[in-house]
Amino acid sequence: MSQEPIFIDDYVVSISALNKSFGTNHVLRGIDLEVQRGEVVCIIGPSGSGKSTLLRCVNMLEQPSSGRIVVLGRELTHIDCDIDEARSKIGMVFQQFNLFPHMTALQNVCVAQRKVLKRSASEAEQTGRALLQRVGLGEKADAYPGQLSGGQQQRVAIARALAMNPDVMLFDEATSALDPELVGEVLQVMRSLADEGMTMLVVTHEMGFASNVASRVVFMDGGVIVEQGPPSQVISSPREERTRTFLANVLNH
């Protein structure tokens, strides 16, 4: 019997004192972060600052060295936590699309529904077709990944994540492997999810998206959160010198 999630102060994600080391490389250094229901939190910062590692710790793809992570009222870092069950409510979209090349777009969206959620073939297909329509790919249901552009493949990956009915979506550099002209179509899907109230944690280099869509921007450097706040503050008038230097470099390219 699955327990109802307990929302701690309505935080969907609550991270405290999170540390992660790979050998002698201390990648995350005491991260504290809370995400409320319906919030879109964009995490920005230079390469190697720990952004992706933080996201991967949120659904335990990386095992934290120490600290506490609570998602939807479940402590994922607790020794007795059923990680697979907890993870079923967390959708994740990666930089690489990770689609099965021998399956059509529709089959890619259906496979986990059937295996994990035990949906019938017809229910999975109905959900899959509706989600492909939602990401603007209704007519591509029978196409194989090799017949799709990178942007289309990433939209299939988003549909696949949504098929699991997640309560929170994690996007790890979802547009950075795409040609520039294809970035907009993926950001448009992400923007519509935000408009519908999906709770989202987004690691991104797309400052326009962060400025326009984020409820809050978190700037990371050297494994710590340097500053966070509304986009108008962090991106338009950052308080910290490290943030200003980073944005000057990014926005002038």
C-alpha atoms as a PDB file:
ATOM      1  CA  MET A   1       0.000   0.000   0.000  1.00  0.00           C
ATOM      2  CA  SER A   2       1.694   3.215  -1.058  1.00  0.00           C
ATOM      3  CA  GLN A   3       1.625   5.930   1.550  1.00  0.00           C
ATOM      4  CA  GLU A   4       0.315   9.377   0.733  1.00  0.00           C
ATOM      5  CA  PRO A   5       3.158  11.863   0.457  1.00  0.00           C
ATOM      6  CA  ILE A   6       3.518  14.185   3.412  1.00  0.00           C
ATOM      7  CA  PHE A   7       4.169  17.708   2.191  1.00  0.00           C
ATOM      8  CA  ILE A   8       6.538  19.393   4.572  1.00  0.00           C
ATOM      9  CA  ASP A   9       5.489  23.058   4.465  1.00  0.00           C
ATOM     10  CA  ASP A  10       4.406  22.371   0.896  1.00  0.00           C
ATOM     11  CA  TYR A  11       8.009  21.778  -0.171  1.00  0.00           C
ATOM     12  CA  VAL A  12       8.140  19.280  -3.016  1.00  0.00           C
ATOM     13  CA  VAL A  13      11.928  19.066  -2.666  1.00  0.00           C
ATOM     14  CA  SER A  14      13.857  19.771   0.521  1.00  0.00           C
ATOM     15  CA  ILE A  15      17.649  19.408   0.543  1.00  0.00           C
ATOM     16  CA  SER A  16      19.741  20.024   3.625  1.00  0.00           C
ATOM     17  CA  ALA A  17      23.507  19.924   4.240  1.00  0.00           C
ATOM     18  CA  LEU A  18      24.065  17.943   1.038  1.00  0.00           C
ATOM     19  CA  ASN A  19      27.638  16.897   0.306  1.00  0.00           C
ATOM     20  CA  LYS A  20      28.929  14.814  -2.566  1.00  0.00           C
ATOM     21  CA  SER A  21      32.513  13.804  -3.226  1.00  0.00           C
ATOM     22  CA  PHE A  22      34.023  11.735  -6.011  1.00  0.00           C
ATOM     23  CA  GLY A  23      37.232  10.528  -4.394  1.00  0.00           C
ATOM     24  CA  THR A  24      39.110  13.664  -3.352  1.00  0.00           C
ATOM     25  CA  ASN A  25      36.930  15.902  -5.525  1.00  0.00           C
ATOM     26  CA  HIS A  26      34.393  17.598  -3.224  1.00  0.00           C
ATOM     27  CA  VAL A  27      31.701  18.486  -5.786  1.00  0.00           C
ATOM     28  CA  LEU A  28      28.809  19.592  -3.523  1.00  0.00           C
ATOM     29  CA  ARG A  29      29.601  21.419  -0.289  1.00  0.00           C
ATOM     30  CA  GLY A  30      26.712  21.674   2.144  1.00  0.00           C
ATOM     31  CA  ILE A  31      23.846  22.522  -0.218  1.00  0.00           C
ATOM     32  CA  ASP A  32      20.536  23.682   1.318  1.00  0.00           C
ATOM     33  CA  LEU A  33      17.667  24.131  -1.132  1.00  0.00           C
ATOM     34  CA  GLU A  34      13.893  23.949  -0.945  1.00  0.00           C
ATOM     35  CA  VAL A  35      11.453  23.915  -3.849  1.00  0.00           C
ATOM     36  CA  GLN A  36       7.766  24.647  -3.381  1.00  0.00           C
ATOM     37  CA  ARG A  37       4.915  23.128  -5.331  1.00  0.00           C
ATOM     38  CA  GLY A  38       4.545  24.806  -8.730  1.00  0.00           C
ATOM     39  CA  GLU A  39       7.911  26.552  -8.537  1.00  0.00           C
ATOM     40  CA  VAL A  40      10.292  26.620 -11.486  1.00  0.00           C
ATOM     41  CA  VAL A  41      13.835  26.804 -10.141  1.00  0.00           C
ATOM     42  CA  CYS A  42      16.582  27.386 -12.715  1.00  0.00           C
ATOM     43  CA  ILE A  43      20.093  26.459 -11.637  1.00  0.00           C
ATOM     44  CA  ILE A  44      22.852  28.330 -13.445  1.00  0.00           C
ATOM     45  CA  GLY A  45      26.613  28.459 -13.076  1.00  0.00           C
ATOM     46  CA  PRO A  46      29.895  27.568 -14.766  1.00  0.00           C
ATOM     47  CA  SER A  47      30.767  24.045 -15.877  1.00  0.00           C
ATOM     48  CA  GLY A  48      32.008  21.957 -12.977  1.00  0.00           C
ATOM     49  CA  SER A  49      30.094  23.949 -10.366  1.00  0.00           C
ATOM     50  CA  GLY A  50      28.051  20.900  -9.291  1.00  0.00           C
ATOM     51  CA  LYS A  51      24.718  21.726 -10.968  1.00  0.00           C
ATOM     52  CA  SER A  52      24.185  18.376 -12.686  1.00  0.00           C
ATOM     53  CA  THR A  53      25.474  16.432  -9.684  1.00  0.00           C
ATOM     54  CA  LEU A  54      22.920  18.246  -7.505  1.00  0.00           C
ATOM     55  CA  LEU A  55      20.109  17.302  -9.887  1.00  0.00           C
ATOM     56  CA  ARG A  56      21.280  13.677 -10.046  1.00  0.00           C
ATOM     57  CA  CYS A  57      21.319  13.503  -6.248  1.00  0.00           C
ATOM     58  CA  VAL A  58      17.679  14.669  -6.116  1.00  0.00           C
ATOM     59  CA  ASN A  59      16.532  11.372  -7.640  1.00  0.00           C
ATOM     60  CA  MET A  60      19.461   9.364  -6.230  1.00  0.00           C
ATOM     61  CA  LEU A  61      21.176   8.665  -9.544  1.00  0.00           C
ATOM     62  CA  GLU A  62      24.156   9.818  -7.496  1.00  0.00           C
ATOM     63  CA  GLN A  63      24.394   8.686  -3.884  1.00  0.00           C
ATOM     64  CA  PRO A  64      25.054  11.695  -1.620  1.00  0.00           C
ATOM     65  CA  SER A  65      28.128  11.477   0.617  1.00  0.00           C
ATOM     66  CA  SER A  66      26.122  13.096   3.430  1.00  0.00           C
ATOM     67  CA  GLY A  67      23.034  15.221   3.974  1.00  0.00           C
ATOM     68  CA  ARG A  68      19.298  14.787   3.620  1.00  0.00           C
ATOM     69  CA  ILE A  69      17.000  14.853   0.595  1.00  0.00           C
ATOM     70  CA  VAL A  70      13.212  14.788   0.993  1.00  0.00           C
ATOM     71  CA  VAL A  71      11.059  14.636  -2.152  1.00  0.00           C
ATOM     72  CA  LEU A  72       7.258  14.621  -1.892  1.00  0.00           C
ATOM     73  CA  GLY A  73       7.451  13.872   1.810  1.00  0.00           C
ATOM     74  CA  ARG A  74       9.794  10.880   1.473  1.00  0.00           C
ATOM     75  CA  GLU A  75      13.334  10.970   2.684  1.00  0.00           C
ATOM     76  CA  LEU A  76      15.276   9.479  -0.224  1.00  0.00           C
ATOM     77  CA  THR A  77      18.469   9.455   1.826  1.00  0.00           C
ATOM     78  CA  HIS A  78      16.860   7.246   4.506  1.00  0.00           C
ATOM     79  CA  ILE A  79      18.276   3.731   4.531  1.00  0.00           C
ATOM     80  CA  ASP A  80      14.791   2.158   4.308  1.00  0.00           C
ATOM     81  CA  CYS A  81      13.480   4.321   1.461  1.00  0.00           C
ATOM     82  CA  ASP A  82      12.126   2.451  -1.551  1.00  0.00           C
ATOM     83  CA  ILE A  83      14.072   4.454  -4.129  1.00  0.00           C
ATOM     84  CA  ASP A  84      12.295   2.983  -7.161  1.00  0.00           C
ATOM     85  CA  GLU A  85       8.889   3.901  -5.802  1.00  0.00           C
ATOM     86  CA  ALA A  86      10.021   7.373  -4.765  1.00  0.00           C
ATOM     87  CA  ARG A  87      11.686   7.918  -8.121  1.00  0.00           C
ATOM     88  CA  SER A  88       8.493   7.024  -9.995  1.00  0.00           C
ATOM     89  CA  LYS A  89       7.132  10.486  -9.096  1.00  0.00           C
ATOM     90  CA  ILE A  90      10.244  12.291 -10.339  1.00  0.00           C
ATOM     91  CA  GLY A  91      10.548  12.807 -14.097  1.00  0.00           C
ATOM     92  CA  MET A  92      14.004  13.433 -15.521  1.00  0.00           C
ATOM     93  CA  VAL A  93      15.123  14.715 -18.900  1.00  0.00           C
ATOM     94  CA  PHE A  94      18.814  14.470 -19.712  1.00  0.00           C
ATOM     95  CA  GLN A  95      21.169  16.264 -22.072  1.00  0.00           C
ATOM     96  CA  GLN A  96      21.318  13.127 -24.214  1.00  0.00           C
ATOM     97  CA  PHE A  97      17.897  11.874 -25.275  1.00  0.00           C
ATOM     98  CA  ASN A  98      18.490   8.195 -24.376  1.00  0.00           C
ATOM     99  CA  LEU A  99      15.697   6.957 -26.647  1.00  0.00           C
ATOM    100  CA  PHE A 100      15.610   3.308 -27.723  1.00  0.00           C
ATOM    101  CA  PRO A 101      16.690   3.500 -31.395  1.00  0.00           C
ATOM    102  CA  HIS A 102      14.803   0.331 -32.393  1.00  0.00           C
ATOM    103  CA  MET A 103      11.483   1.671 -31.052  1.00  0.00           C
ATOM    104  CA  THR A 104       9.164   4.266 -32.564  1.00  0.00           C
ATOM    105  CA  ALA A 105       8.464   7.523 -30.753  1.00  0.00           C
ATOM    106  CA  LEU A 106       5.190   6.068 -29.475  1.00  0.00           C
ATOM    107  CA  GLN A 107       6.834   2.846 -28.287  1.00  0.00           C
ATOM    108  CA  ASN A 108       9.489   4.870 -26.455  1.00  0.00           C
ATOM    109  CA  VAL A 109       6.748   6.754 -24.604  1.00  0.00           C
ATOM    110  CA  CYS A 110       4.811   3.565 -23.830  1.00  0.00           C
ATOM    111  CA  VAL A 111       7.490   1.138 -22.650  1.00  0.00           C
ATOM    112  CA  ALA A 112       7.927   2.366 -19.065  1.00  0.00           C
ATOM    113  CA  GLN A 113       4.187   2.936 -18.643  1.00  0.00           C
ATOM    114  CA  ARG A 114       3.660  -0.768 -19.275  1.00  0.00           C
ATOM    115  CA  LYS A 115       6.672  -2.095 -17.375  1.00  0.00           C
ATOM    116  CA  VAL A 116       6.613   0.213 -14.347  1.00  0.00           C
ATOM    117  CA  LEU A 117       3.022   1.465 -14.067  1.00  0.00           C
ATOM    118  CA  LYS A 118       1.576  -1.831 -15.422  1.00  0.00           C
ATOM    119  CA  ARG A 119      -0.773   0.002 -17.765  1.00  0.00           C
ATOM    120  CA  SER A 120      -2.504  -2.013 -20.461  1.00  0.00           C
ATOM    121  CA  ALA A 121      -1.235  -1.679 -24.037  1.00  0.00           C
ATOM    122  CA  SER A 122      -4.288   0.344 -25.051  1.00  0.00           C
ATOM    123  CA  GLU A 123      -4.093   2.701 -22.061  1.00  0.00           C
ATOM    124  CA  ALA A 124      -0.359   3.232 -22.562  1.00  0.00           C
ATOM    125  CA  GLU A 125      -0.910   3.960 -26.241  1.00  0.00           C
ATOM    126  CA  GLN A 126      -3.741   6.388 -25.551  1.00  0.00           C
ATOM    127  CA  THR A 127      -1.587   8.247 -22.998  1.00  0.00           C
ATOM    128  CA  GLY A 128       1.423   8.120 -25.319  1.00  0.00           C
ATOM    129  CA  ARG A 129      -0.438   9.564 -28.299  1.00  0.00           C
ATOM    130  CA  ALA A 130      -1.935  12.345 -26.151  1.00  0.00           C
ATOM    131  CA  LEU A 131       1.496  13.274 -24.787  1.00  0.00           C
ATOM    132  CA  LEU A 132       3.145  13.260 -28.209  1.00  0.00           C
ATOM    133  CA  GLN A 133       0.353  15.596 -29.318  1.00  0.00           C
ATOM    134  CA  ARG A 134       1.043  17.776 -26.287  1.00  0.00           C
ATOM    135  CA  VAL A 135       4.722  18.190 -27.228  1.00  0.00           C
ATOM    136  CA  GLY A 136       3.786  18.903 -30.852  1.00  0.00           C
ATOM    137  CA  LEU A 137       4.715  15.497 -32.292  1.00  0.00           C
ATOM    138  CA  GLY A 138       1.347  13.808 -32.779  1.00  0.00           C
ATOM    139  CA  GLU A 139       2.173  13.058 -36.417  1.00  0.00           C
ATOM    140  CA  LYS A 140       5.562  11.518 -35.534  1.00  0.00           C
ATOM    141  CA  ALA A 141       4.224   8.636 -33.398  1.00  0.00           C
ATOM    142  CA  ASP A 142       5.478   5.968 -35.819  1.00  0.00           C
ATOM    143  CA  ALA A 143       8.848   7.598 -36.602  1.00  0.00           C
ATOM    144  CA  TYR A 144      12.048   6.102 -35.226  1.00  0.00           C
ATOM    145  CA  PRO A 145      14.547   8.294 -33.334  1.00  0.00           C
ATOM    146  CA  GLY A 146      16.928   8.187 -36.319  1.00  0.00           C
ATOM    147  CA  GLN A 147      14.231   9.859 -38.431  1.00  0.00           C
ATOM    148  CA  LEU A 148      13.769  12.726 -35.955  1.00  0.00           C
ATOM    149  CA  SER A 149      15.772  15.905 -35.371  1.00  0.00           C
ATOM    150  CA  GLY A 150      17.516  16.380 -32.040  1.00  0.00           C
ATOM    151  CA  GLY A 151      14.790  18.764 -30.896  1.00  0.00           C
ATOM    152  CA  GLN A 152      12.100  16.265 -31.803  1.00  0.00           C
ATOM    153  CA  GLN A 153      13.951  13.475 -29.990  1.00  0.00           C
ATOM    154  CA  GLN A 154      14.211  15.617 -26.878  1.00  0.00           C
ATOM    155  CA  ARG A 155      10.483  16.358 -27.029  1.00  0.00           C
ATOM    156  CA  VAL A 156       9.815  12.594 -27.209  1.00  0.00           C
ATOM    157  CA  ALA A 157      12.034  12.231 -24.123  1.00  0.00           C
ATOM    158  CA  ILE A 158       9.941  14.864 -22.322  1.00  0.00           C
ATOM    159  CA  ALA A 159       6.724  13.039 -23.317  1.00  0.00           C
ATOM    160  CA  ARG A 160       8.234   9.788 -22.015  1.00  0.00           C
ATOM    161  CA  ALA A 161       8.990  11.421 -18.641  1.00  0.00           C
ATOM    162  CA  LEU A 162       5.498  12.939 -18.446  1.00  0.00           C
ATOM    163  CA  ALA A 163       3.909   9.546 -19.162  1.00  0.00           C
ATOM    164  CA  MET A 164       4.865   8.475 -15.640  1.00  0.00           C
ATOM    165  CA  ASN A 165       2.652  11.199 -14.087  1.00  0.00           C
ATOM    166  CA  PRO A 166       5.526  12.841 -12.205  1.00  0.00           C
ATOM    167  CA  ASP A 167       4.942  15.436  -9.482  1.00  0.00           C
ATOM    168  CA  VAL A 168       8.278  17.104 -10.179  1.00  0.00           C
ATOM    169  CA  MET A 169      10.371  17.327 -13.347  1.00  0.00           C
ATOM    170  CA  LEU A 170      14.168  17.589 -13.453  1.00  0.00           C
ATOM    171  CA  PHE A 171      15.810  18.957 -16.608  1.00  0.00           C
ATOM    172  CA  ASP A 172      19.583  18.529 -16.843  1.00  0.00           C
ATOM    173  CA  GLU A 173      20.902  20.775 -19.638  1.00  0.00           C
ATOM    174  CA  ALA A 174      18.009  19.573 -21.792  1.00  0.00           C
ATOM    175  CA  THR A 175      18.919  21.851 -24.708  1.00  0.00           C
ATOM    176  CA  SER A 176      22.725  21.890 -24.646  1.00  0.00           C
ATOM    177  CA  ALA A 177      23.166  19.009 -27.115  1.00  0.00           C
ATOM    178  CA  LEU A 178      20.877  20.668 -29.670  1.00  0.00           C
ATOM    179  CA  ASP A 179      21.647  22.834 -32.658  1.00  0.00           C
ATOM    180  CA  PRO A 180      20.764  26.454 -31.801  1.00  0.00           C
ATOM    181  CA  GLU A 181      17.766  26.584 -34.128  1.00  0.00           C
ATOM    182  CA  LEU A 182      16.204  23.554 -32.397  1.00  0.00           C
ATOM    183  CA  VAL A 183      16.545  24.876 -28.843  1.00  0.00           C
ATOM    184  CA  GLY A 184      13.405  27.021 -29.007  1.00  0.00           C
ATOM    185  CA  GLU A 185      11.008  24.138 -29.682  1.00  0.00           C
ATOM    186  CA  VAL A 186      12.167  22.289 -26.556  1.00  0.00           C
ATOM    187  CA  LEU A 187      12.091  25.426 -24.393  1.00  0.00           C
ATOM    188  CA  GLN A 188       8.542  26.080 -25.628  1.00  0.00           C
ATOM    189  CA  VAL A 189       7.416  22.687 -24.298  1.00  0.00           C
ATOM    190  CA  MET A 190       9.174  23.373 -20.985  1.00  0.00           C
ATOM    191  CA  ARG A 191       7.535  26.793 -20.797  1.00  0.00           C
ATOM    192  CA  SER A 192       4.072  25.284 -21.326  1.00  0.00           C
ATOM    193  CA  LEU A 193       4.730  22.791 -18.514  1.00  0.00           C
ATOM    194  CA  ALA A 194       5.678  25.687 -16.250  1.00  0.00           C
ATOM    195  CA  ASP A 195       2.481  27.508 -17.259  1.00  0.00           C
ATOM    196  CA  GLU A 196       0.482  24.416 -16.278  1.00  0.00           C
ATOM    197  CA  GLY A 197       1.990  24.497 -12.775  1.00  0.00           C
ATOM    198  CA  MET A 198       4.518  21.664 -13.005  1.00  0.00           C
ATOM    199  CA  THR A 199       7.183  21.840 -10.301  1.00  0.00           C
ATOM    200  CA  MET A 200      10.500  22.007 -12.163  1.00  0.00           C
ATOM    201  CA  LEU A 201      14.200  22.020 -11.348  1.00  0.00           C
ATOM    202  CA  VAL A 202      16.094  23.108 -14.452  1.00  0.00           C
ATOM    203  CA  VAL A 203      19.863  23.155 -14.958  1.00  0.00           C
ATOM    204  CA  THR A 204      20.338  25.453 -17.938  1.00  0.00           C
ATOM    205  CA  HIS A 205      22.602  27.840 -19.834  1.00  0.00           C
ATOM    206  CA  GLU A 206      19.570  29.482 -21.445  1.00  0.00           C
ATOM    207  CA  MET A 207      19.458  32.832 -19.636  1.00  0.00           C
ATOM    208  CA  GLY A 208      16.425  34.032 -21.587  1.00  0.00           C
ATOM    209  CA  PHE A 209      14.435  31.022 -20.367  1.00  0.00           C
ATOM    210  CA  ALA A 210      15.667  31.521 -16.797  1.00  0.00           C
ATOM    211  CA  SER A 211      14.762  35.230 -16.930  1.00  0.00           C
ATOM    212  CA  ASN A 212      11.282  34.705 -18.355  1.00  0.00           C
ATOM    213  CA  VAL A 213      10.103  31.415 -16.880  1.00  0.00           C
ATOM    214  CA  ALA A 214      11.884  30.804 -13.559  1.00  0.00           C
ATOM    215  CA  SER A 215      10.209  31.648 -10.272  1.00  0.00           C
ATOM    216  CA  ARG A 216      13.697  31.573  -8.772  1.00  0.00           C
ATOM    217  CA  VAL A 217      17.247  31.424 -10.084  1.00  0.00           C
ATOM    218  CA  VAL A 218      19.998  29.642  -8.148  1.00  0.00           C
ATOM    219  CA  PHE A 219      23.601  30.502  -9.037  1.00  0.00           C
ATOM    220  CA  MET A 220      26.130  27.805  -8.135  1.00  0.00           C
ATOM    221  CA  ASP A 221      29.905  27.937  -8.233  1.00  0.00           C
ATOM    222  CA  GLY A 222      32.498  25.679  -6.646  1.00  0.00           C
ATOM    223  CA  GLY A 223      29.898  23.310  -5.219  1.00  0.00           C
ATOM    224  CA  VAL A 224      28.015  25.949  -3.219  1.00  0.00           C
ATOM    225  CA  ILE A 225      24.967  28.133  -3.808  1.00  0.00           C
ATOM    226  CA  VAL A 226      26.460  31.609  -4.171  1.00  0.00           C
ATOM    227  CA  GLU A 227      23.123  33.407  -4.405  1.00  0.00           C
ATOM    228  CA  GLN A 228      19.496  32.792  -5.236  1.00  0.00           C
ATOM    229  CA  GLY A 229      16.379  34.854  -5.733  1.00  0.00           C
ATOM    230  CA  PRO A 230      13.944  36.008  -8.409  1.00  0.00           C
ATOM    231  CA  PRO A 231      15.408  36.341 -11.926  1.00  0.00           C
ATOM    232  CA  SER A 232      15.048  40.123 -11.730  1.00  0.00           C
ATOM    233  CA  GLN A 233      17.560  40.105  -8.895  1.00  0.00           C
ATOM    234  CA  VAL A 234      19.981  37.280  -9.724  1.00  0.00           C
ATOM    235  CA  ILE A 235      20.229  37.842 -13.481  1.00  0.00           C
ATOM    236  CA  SER A 236      19.452  41.558 -13.786  1.00  0.00           C
ATOM    237  CA  SER A 237      21.198  42.898 -10.666  1.00  0.00           C
ATOM    238  CA  PRO A 238      23.255  40.184  -8.985  1.00  0.00           C
ATOM    239  CA  ARG A 239      24.647  40.928  -5.541  1.00  0.00           C
ATOM    240  CA  GLU A 240      27.711  38.708  -5.694  1.00  0.00           C
ATOM    241  CA  GLU A 241      30.852  39.431  -7.705  1.00  0.00           C
ATOM    242  CA  ARG A 242      31.105  35.770  -8.806  1.00  0.00           C
ATOM    243  CA  THR A 243      27.581  35.931 -10.223  1.00  0.00           C
ATOM    244  CA  ARG A 244      28.316  39.195 -12.038  1.00  0.00           C
ATOM    245  CA  THR A 245      31.490  37.781 -13.613  1.00  0.00           C
ATOM    246  CA  PHE A 246      29.709  34.603 -14.753  1.00  0.00           C
ATOM    247  CA  LEU A 247      26.793  36.492 -16.288  1.00  0.00           C
ATOM    248  CA  ALA A 248      29.086  38.981 -18.008  1.00  0.00           C
ATOM    249  CA  ASN A 249      30.854  36.072 -19.706  1.00  0.00           C
ATOM    250  CA  VAL A 250      27.633  34.236 -20.633  1.00  0.00           C
ATOM    251  CA  LEU A 251      25.615  37.218 -21.820  1.00  0.00           C
ATOM    252  CA  ASN A 252      28.430  38.695 -23.917  1.00  0.00           C
ATOM    253  CA  HIS A 253      28.947  35.536 -25.963  1.00  0.00           C
END
